[in-house]
Protein backbone atom coordinates (compact mmCIF):
# COMPACT_ATOMS: atom_id res chain seq x y z
CA MET A 1 426.50 168.06 231.23
CA LYS A 2 427.83 165.56 233.69
CA GLY A 3 424.85 166.20 235.98
CA LYS A 4 422.45 165.59 233.11
CA VAL A 5 424.12 162.27 232.30
CA VAL A 6 423.85 161.15 235.91
CA SER A 7 420.20 162.18 236.02
CA PHE A 8 419.49 160.30 232.79
CA VAL A 9 421.18 157.18 234.17
CA ALA A 10 419.17 157.49 237.40
CA ILE A 11 415.94 157.79 235.43
CA CYS A 12 416.85 154.73 233.39
CA LEU A 13 417.55 152.78 236.57
CA VAL A 14 414.19 153.79 238.05
CA VAL A 15 412.32 152.86 234.86
CA THR A 16 414.22 149.57 234.68
CA PHE A 17 413.35 148.90 238.33
CA PHE A 18 409.63 149.32 237.68
CA ILE A 19 409.72 147.19 234.52
CA VAL A 20 411.55 144.38 236.28
CA SER A 21 409.31 144.69 239.36
CA ALA A 22 406.19 144.38 237.23
CA ALA A 23 407.51 141.24 235.60
CA VAL A 24 408.44 139.50 238.85
CA PRO A 25 405.88 136.77 239.69
CA PRO A 26 404.30 136.67 243.16
CA ALA A 27 406.45 135.26 245.92
CA SER A 28 406.07 131.55 246.55
CA GLY A 29 403.36 130.90 249.11
CA ALA A 30 401.24 133.95 248.15
CA GLU A 31 397.53 133.29 248.64
CA LEU A 32 394.36 134.22 246.82
CA LYS A 33 391.08 133.79 248.67
CA ILE A 34 387.99 132.30 247.06
CA GLY A 35 384.66 132.17 248.89
CA VAL A 36 382.35 129.16 248.82
CA LEU A 37 378.67 129.16 249.83
CA MET A 38 377.28 125.67 250.55
CA PRO A 39 374.16 124.25 252.25
CA MET A 40 375.91 122.21 254.93
CA THR A 41 372.72 122.17 257.01
CA GLY A 42 369.06 122.43 256.06
CA TYR A 43 366.89 120.34 253.81
CA VAL A 44 369.47 119.97 251.01
CA ALA A 45 372.45 119.30 253.30
CA PHE A 46 372.96 116.02 251.46
CA PHE A 47 374.02 117.95 248.35
CA GLY A 48 376.16 120.34 250.38
CA GLY A 49 377.98 117.41 251.95
CA MET A 50 378.76 115.98 248.54
CA GLN A 51 380.00 119.33 247.27
CA GLU A 52 382.18 119.70 250.36
CA ALA A 53 383.74 116.30 249.58
CA SER A 54 384.53 117.56 246.05
CA LEU A 55 386.15 120.65 247.57
CA ARG A 56 388.30 118.54 249.92
CA LEU A 57 389.34 116.35 247.01
CA ALA A 58 390.26 119.33 244.84
CA GLN A 59 392.21 120.96 247.69
CA LYS A 60 394.31 117.83 248.13
CA GLU A 61 395.00 117.73 244.40
CA PHE A 62 395.85 121.45 244.29
CA ALA A 63 398.34 120.95 247.13
CA LYS A 64 400.14 118.28 245.07
CA LEU A 65 400.03 120.41 241.91
CA GLY A 66 401.54 123.41 243.67
CA PRO A 67 400.85 127.12 243.09
CA SER A 68 398.97 128.36 240.03
CA GLY A 69 400.34 131.57 238.56
CA GLY A 70 402.45 131.87 241.71
CA PHE A 71 399.43 131.62 244.03
CA ASP A 72 398.01 129.06 246.42
CA LEU A 73 394.21 129.13 246.62
CA LYS A 74 392.62 129.54 250.05
CA PHE A 75 388.94 128.62 250.22
CA ILE A 76 386.70 130.32 252.78
CA VAL A 77 383.57 128.22 253.20
CA TYR A 78 380.28 129.33 254.78
CA ASP A 79 377.17 127.26 255.43
CA THR A 80 374.05 128.97 254.09
CA GLY A 81 371.66 126.42 255.56
CA ALA A 82 369.78 126.77 252.22
CA LYS A 83 368.41 130.10 253.56
CA PRO A 84 368.50 133.03 251.09
CA GLN A 85 368.87 135.73 253.76
CA ASP A 86 371.80 133.90 255.36
CA ALA A 87 373.35 133.47 251.92
CA ILE A 88 373.15 137.25 251.34
CA LEU A 89 374.86 138.04 254.65
CA MET A 90 377.61 135.50 254.00
CA ALA A 91 378.17 136.75 250.46
CA GLN A 92 378.59 140.27 251.82
CA LYS A 93 381.07 139.04 254.42
CA LEU A 94 383.07 137.22 251.74
CA MET A 95 383.17 140.32 249.51
CA HIS A 96 383.80 143.08 252.04
CA THR A 97 385.40 141.48 255.11
CA ASP A 98 387.23 138.47 253.69
CA LYS A 99 387.89 140.33 250.42
CA VAL A 100 387.75 137.22 248.24
CA LEU A 101 388.71 137.15 244.58
CA ALA A 102 385.51 135.32 243.58
CA ILE A 103 382.61 133.39 245.08
CA ILE A 104 381.46 129.86 244.23
CA GLY A 105 377.81 129.19 245.00
CA PRO A 106 375.23 129.46 246.38
CA TYR A 107 373.46 126.16 245.81
CA LEU A 108 369.74 126.79 245.38
CA SER A 109 368.00 128.95 242.81
CA THR A 110 366.04 130.52 245.68
CA GLU A 111 369.38 131.62 247.15
CA CYS A 112 370.80 132.79 243.83
CA GLU A 113 367.72 134.93 243.17
CA GLN A 114 368.56 136.95 246.28
CA VAL A 115 372.37 136.80 246.23
CA PHE A 116 373.11 137.46 242.54
CA PRO A 117 371.78 141.05 242.42
CA VAL A 118 373.80 141.98 245.54
CA VAL A 119 377.04 140.47 244.26
CA ASN A 120 376.53 141.86 240.76
CA ARG A 121 376.02 145.34 242.23
CA ASP A 122 379.23 145.03 244.27
CA LYS A 123 381.19 143.76 241.25
CA VAL A 124 382.55 140.41 242.39
CA PRO A 125 382.51 137.33 240.10
CA ILE A 126 380.17 134.64 241.40
CA ILE A 127 379.72 131.17 239.88
CA THR A 128 377.01 128.74 240.95
CA ALA A 129 377.66 125.08 240.25
CA SER A 130 374.10 123.97 240.92
CA SER A 131 371.31 126.51 240.38
CA ALA A 132 369.37 125.50 237.27
CA LYS A 133 366.57 128.07 237.08
CA ALA A 134 366.73 129.81 233.71
CA GLY A 135 367.29 133.56 233.56
CA LEU A 136 369.14 134.12 236.83
CA THR A 137 372.43 135.06 235.21
CA THR A 138 370.78 136.85 232.28
CA SER A 139 369.17 139.38 234.62
CA ASN A 140 372.37 139.93 236.63
CA ARG A 141 375.09 140.63 234.09
CA PRO A 142 378.04 140.84 233.90
CA TRP A 143 379.36 139.36 237.19
CA THR A 144 377.23 136.20 237.55
CA PHE A 145 377.96 132.81 236.01
CA ARG A 146 376.66 129.28 236.10
CA ASN A 147 378.70 126.12 235.51
CA ILE A 148 375.72 123.82 235.10
CA MET A 149 373.10 123.49 232.38
CA THR A 150 369.86 125.38 232.95
CA SER A 151 366.59 123.54 233.34
CA ASP A 152 365.16 124.67 230.01
CA LYS A 153 368.21 123.52 228.01
CA ILE A 154 368.68 120.12 229.60
CA ASN A 155 365.07 118.97 229.95
CA GLU A 156 363.91 119.03 226.33
CA PRO A 157 365.83 115.90 225.22
CA ALA A 158 364.64 114.03 228.33
CA ILE A 159 360.98 114.97 227.89
CA ARG A 160 361.12 114.23 224.17
CA ALA A 161 362.55 110.74 224.85
CA TRP A 162 360.04 110.06 227.65
CA VAL A 163 357.05 111.06 225.52
CA LYS A 164 358.20 108.95 222.58
CA GLN A 165 359.34 105.84 224.43
CA LYS A 166 356.44 105.73 226.91
CA ASN A 167 353.77 106.90 224.42
CA ILE A 168 352.69 109.77 226.66
CA LYS A 169 349.52 111.55 225.51
CA THR A 170 348.38 112.98 228.86
CA ALA A 171 350.28 113.94 231.99
CA ALA A 172 349.82 115.13 235.56
CA ILE A 173 352.37 117.54 237.06
CA LEU A 174 353.06 117.76 240.79
CA THR A 175 355.08 120.85 241.77
CA ASP A 176 356.82 122.07 244.92
CA ILE A 177 355.84 125.73 244.71
CA LYS A 178 358.20 126.67 247.55
CA SER A 179 361.30 125.69 245.57
CA LYS A 180 362.19 128.09 242.76
CA VAL A 181 363.89 125.50 240.58
CA SER A 182 361.02 123.03 241.08
CA GLU A 183 358.41 125.71 240.45
CA THR A 184 360.17 126.80 237.27
CA TYR A 185 360.28 123.22 236.03
CA GLY A 186 356.72 122.31 237.03
CA LYS A 187 355.00 125.55 236.01
CA ASP A 188 357.02 126.63 232.99
CA VAL A 189 359.62 124.26 231.54
CA ALA A 190 357.75 120.95 231.71
CA PRO A 191 354.32 122.25 230.56
CA THR A 192 355.86 124.16 227.67
CA LEU A 193 357.87 121.17 226.46
CA LEU A 194 355.04 118.66 226.99
CA LYS A 195 352.66 120.80 224.93
CA LYS A 196 355.35 121.12 222.25
CA TYR A 197 355.39 117.33 221.92
CA GLY A 198 351.62 116.97 221.89
CA VAL A 199 350.97 116.04 225.53
CA ARG A 200 347.84 117.35 227.26
CA ILE A 201 348.15 118.37 230.93
CA VAL A 202 345.20 116.86 232.81
CA GLU A 203 346.27 117.76 236.37
CA ASP A 204 348.46 120.57 237.75
CA ILE A 205 348.86 119.93 241.48
CA ASP A 206 350.81 121.99 244.03
CA PHE A 207 352.59 120.97 247.22
CA VAL A 208 355.24 122.57 249.43
CA THR A 209 358.66 121.49 250.65
CA GLU A 210 357.47 120.62 254.17
CA ASP A 211 354.73 118.19 253.00
CA VAL A 212 355.08 114.55 254.07
CA ASP A 213 351.69 113.09 253.14
CA PHE A 214 350.88 112.99 249.43
CA SER A 215 347.83 110.71 249.52
CA ALA A 216 345.38 113.48 248.58
CA GLN A 217 347.47 114.62 245.62
CA ILE A 218 347.86 111.07 244.29
CA THR A 219 344.15 110.35 244.75
CA LYS A 220 343.48 113.34 242.49
CA VAL A 221 345.99 112.03 239.93
CA LYS A 222 344.36 108.61 240.07
CA ARG A 223 340.97 110.07 239.10
CA SER A 224 342.38 111.73 235.97
CA ASN A 225 344.35 108.58 235.00
CA PRO A 226 347.15 110.24 232.95
CA ASP A 227 349.70 108.33 230.89
CA GLY A 228 352.59 109.87 232.82
CA ILE A 229 353.43 111.75 236.02
CA VAL A 230 355.88 114.66 236.22
CA LEU A 231 357.65 115.02 239.59
CA ALA A 232 358.76 118.63 240.09
CA GLY A 233 360.41 118.50 243.49
CA GLU A 234 363.64 117.69 245.32
CA TYR A 235 364.74 114.04 245.44
CA SER A 236 363.18 113.14 248.83
CA LEU A 237 359.80 114.63 247.97
CA ALA A 238 359.79 113.07 244.51
CA ALA A 239 360.61 109.67 246.03
CA ASN A 240 357.77 109.99 248.57
CA ILE A 241 355.31 110.92 245.81
CA ALA A 242 356.44 107.96 243.70
CA ARG A 243 355.97 105.56 246.62
CA GLU A 244 352.49 106.93 247.32
CA ALA A 245 351.58 106.54 243.64
CA ARG A 246 352.63 102.89 243.61
CA LYS A 247 350.89 102.33 246.95
CA GLN A 248 347.63 103.51 245.38
CA GLY A 249 348.17 101.18 242.44
CA LEU A 250 349.32 103.72 239.84
CA LYS A 251 351.81 102.34 237.33
CA GLN A 252 352.27 105.40 235.17
CA ALA A 253 355.64 106.38 233.75
CA LEU A 254 357.56 108.95 235.81
CA ILE A 255 359.86 111.81 234.82
CA THR A 256 361.70 114.33 236.97
CA ASP A 257 364.21 117.19 236.90
CA VAL A 258 367.94 117.57 237.59
CA PRO A 259 367.74 117.89 241.43
CA THR A 260 366.15 114.45 241.66
CA VAL A 261 368.77 112.60 239.61
CA THR A 262 370.62 111.39 242.70
CA PRO A 263 371.43 108.03 244.33
CA GLU A 264 369.29 109.12 247.30
CA TYR A 265 366.15 109.27 245.13
CA ILE A 266 366.62 105.58 244.34
CA LYS A 267 367.51 104.72 247.93
CA LEU A 268 364.38 106.41 249.29
CA GLY A 269 362.05 105.37 246.49
CA GLY A 270 363.12 101.75 246.03
CA ASP A 271 361.19 99.79 243.42
CA ALA A 272 358.62 102.60 243.17
CA VAL A 273 361.03 104.82 241.22
CA ASP A 274 362.20 102.19 238.74
CA GLY A 275 361.85 103.51 235.19
CA THR A 276 361.98 107.21 236.15
CA PHE A 277 363.43 109.44 233.42
CA GLY A 278 365.59 112.45 234.27
CA PRO A 279 368.21 114.79 232.73
CA SER A 280 371.74 115.45 233.95
CA ASP A 281 374.96 117.03 232.70
CA PHE A 282 376.94 114.41 234.61
CA TRP A 283 376.59 110.63 234.52
CA ALA A 284 378.54 108.59 237.06
CA GLY A 285 378.32 105.54 234.77
CA ASN A 286 380.04 107.34 231.89
CA PRO A 287 382.87 105.02 230.72
CA ASP A 288 385.17 108.01 230.03
CA PRO A 289 388.39 107.28 232.02
CA LYS A 290 388.43 110.84 233.42
CA VAL A 291 384.91 110.42 234.78
CA GLN A 292 385.61 107.01 236.26
CA SER A 293 388.79 108.31 237.87
CA PHE A 294 386.80 111.12 239.49
CA VAL A 295 384.06 108.73 240.68
CA LYS A 296 386.68 106.47 242.28
CA LYS A 297 388.44 109.38 244.00
CA PHE A 298 385.14 110.89 245.14
CA LYS A 299 383.97 107.62 246.69
CA ALA A 300 387.26 107.30 248.53
CA GLU A 301 386.68 110.79 249.93
CA TYR A 302 382.94 110.62 250.64
CA GLY A 303 381.82 107.01 250.87
CA GLN A 304 381.87 103.91 248.71
CA ASP A 305 378.08 103.65 248.51
CA LYS A 306 377.53 107.11 247.02
CA ASP A 307 377.84 108.06 243.36
CA PRO A 308 378.61 111.77 242.84
CA HIS A 309 375.72 113.98 241.75
CA ALA A 310 375.80 116.43 238.83
CA THR A 311 376.35 119.35 241.20
CA THR A 312 379.20 117.43 242.86
CA ALA A 313 381.01 117.13 239.55
CA ALA A 314 380.11 120.71 238.58
CA ILE A 315 381.72 122.27 241.65
CA TYR A 316 384.82 120.12 241.12
CA ASP A 317 385.13 121.47 237.58
CA THR A 318 384.38 125.00 238.81
CA LEU A 319 387.24 124.82 241.29
CA TYR A 320 389.61 123.66 238.56
CA ILE A 321 388.46 126.36 236.14
CA ASN A 322 389.13 129.04 238.75
CA ARG A 323 392.59 127.59 239.33
CA TYR A 324 393.21 127.58 235.56
CA LEU A 325 392.15 131.23 235.25
CA VAL A 326 394.35 132.27 238.18
CA GLY A 327 397.30 130.69 236.41
CA LYS A 328 396.46 132.16 233.02
CA LEU A 329 395.43 135.76 233.67
CA GLY A 330 398.49 137.26 235.33
CA LEU A 331 396.85 138.41 238.56
CA SER A 332 398.59 140.83 240.88
CA GLY A 333 397.39 139.43 244.17
CA LYS A 334 398.02 142.79 245.85
CA ALA A 335 395.31 144.30 248.04
CA GLU A 336 395.26 147.52 246.02
CA ASP A 337 394.71 145.51 242.80
CA LEU A 338 391.89 143.30 244.11
CA GLN A 339 389.17 144.85 241.96
CA LYS A 340 391.34 144.64 238.84
CA ASP A 341 392.01 140.97 239.61
CA ARG A 342 388.27 140.40 240.07
CA GLU A 343 387.64 141.94 236.67
CA LYS A 344 390.18 139.60 235.10
CA ILE A 345 388.46 136.56 236.62
CA ARG A 346 385.09 137.89 235.42
CA ASP A 347 386.43 138.32 231.89
CA GLY A 348 388.08 134.89 232.04
CA TRP A 349 384.78 133.19 232.82
CA ALA A 350 382.94 135.26 230.22
CA SER A 351 385.34 134.20 227.47
CA LEU A 352 385.58 130.50 228.42
CA LYS A 353 385.10 128.40 225.29
CA ASP A 354 385.49 124.64 224.81
CA TYR A 355 387.42 124.36 228.06
CA PRO A 356 388.33 120.66 228.55
CA ALA A 357 386.80 120.31 232.00
CA GLU A 358 388.08 117.60 234.32
CA VAL A 359 384.79 115.63 234.32
CA GLY A 360 382.16 117.74 232.55
CA GLY A 361 383.60 117.59 229.04
CA LYS A 362 384.01 120.67 226.84
CA THR A 363 382.54 123.68 228.63
CA THR A 364 381.57 126.99 227.06
CA ILE A 365 380.04 130.03 228.79
CA ASP A 366 377.46 131.80 226.64
CA LYS A 367 376.65 135.53 226.46
CA ASN A 368 374.24 135.16 229.40
CA GLY A 369 376.88 133.65 231.68
CA ASP A 370 375.44 130.12 231.42
CA ALA A 371 377.36 126.94 230.69
CA TRP A 372 376.93 124.65 227.72
CA LYS A 373 378.41 121.19 228.23
CA ASP A 374 377.74 117.50 227.65
CA TYR A 375 374.39 116.26 228.99
CA TYR A 376 372.43 113.02 229.19
CA THR A 377 368.94 111.56 229.48
CA LEU A 378 369.05 108.95 232.23
CA VAL A 379 366.60 106.35 233.54
CA VAL A 380 366.45 104.34 236.77
CA LYS A 381 367.13 100.70 236.05
CA GLY A 382 368.32 97.98 238.40
CA GLY A 383 368.80 100.42 241.25
CA ARG A 384 371.02 102.82 239.28
CA TRP A 385 370.76 105.78 236.95
CA VAL A 386 371.76 104.53 233.49
CA LYS A 387 371.75 106.11 230.05
CA ALA A 388 368.30 105.95 228.50
CA PRO A 389 367.87 104.29 225.09
CA GLU A 390 367.91 106.77 222.22
């Protein structure tokens, strides 16, 4: 009998040990690794540089805040050069060599098209804070997410306002067919929405990312004499097209997509881009104190002459959401539990609803993995992007 009592006590001690061990939080200084894919070189390095500044800013703030859920976050950053094949290789390295908890990025829709299926297959949560092409997350469930509004959602209010305020009856569309997000906007989103609001497309003109001379394209636009011109290309290309249009004497109203709503578009385009309409889910001129605080901190980090872009704010919010989920979900942090921890982060993003983001307002992830958040129709006026009249 005595032996049985001792055995029972021993069993109780063992059970108690495991219960207490499971409840003990990670030791102070424990790290969780998060991968980041950015275009630090290549033709969109400007955006990558701004996102990197947001990452530096967030890291400094995280250091002051201390661990989340007992963990410090370590960010492993790779430059994709805006090349899809490089982005695939780096995503694989993050997943299988670095063994990250989650991946933030990549930047371009052309990169996401290639990277998302690979990461979804290997079951690691990945969140882009920039790719706006519709359908990318929908076709790669359940591990892919997007913390930025898709092109189809955000462009309708902008196109509707442009058509109404500028009395647009006919339009010409110029599209960079080498950029997936630009091609989607110029060949699908913009034509569909323009037709919805009674606008006839009189010219549909292609160009490619490497083009520098747009005189032939604008000459063709000039012959058709539309009421408005749709610029479906990155900010530098859109600015060059606008300057060529004004050079040839065209005064038509301009509208563009999310990637062009940047300070650099205005800097490169000058007076030629005045009056351009464009959508964004971030507005640097928003009087909200949280937004203005972020703008001030970002400028101190990056440069006083640069307003943050929508993707700059989106990655900042994405970093904070990941930190929030790490603190909320009770992660193990142990190597043998990595996949379980990844599943928790995946489920955390999937169930995010009305999260009070640091600068992006209330953020909800829908069933397709896409974000819904505050958004704006902006217009270039006086050398700045300002809120368009309603």
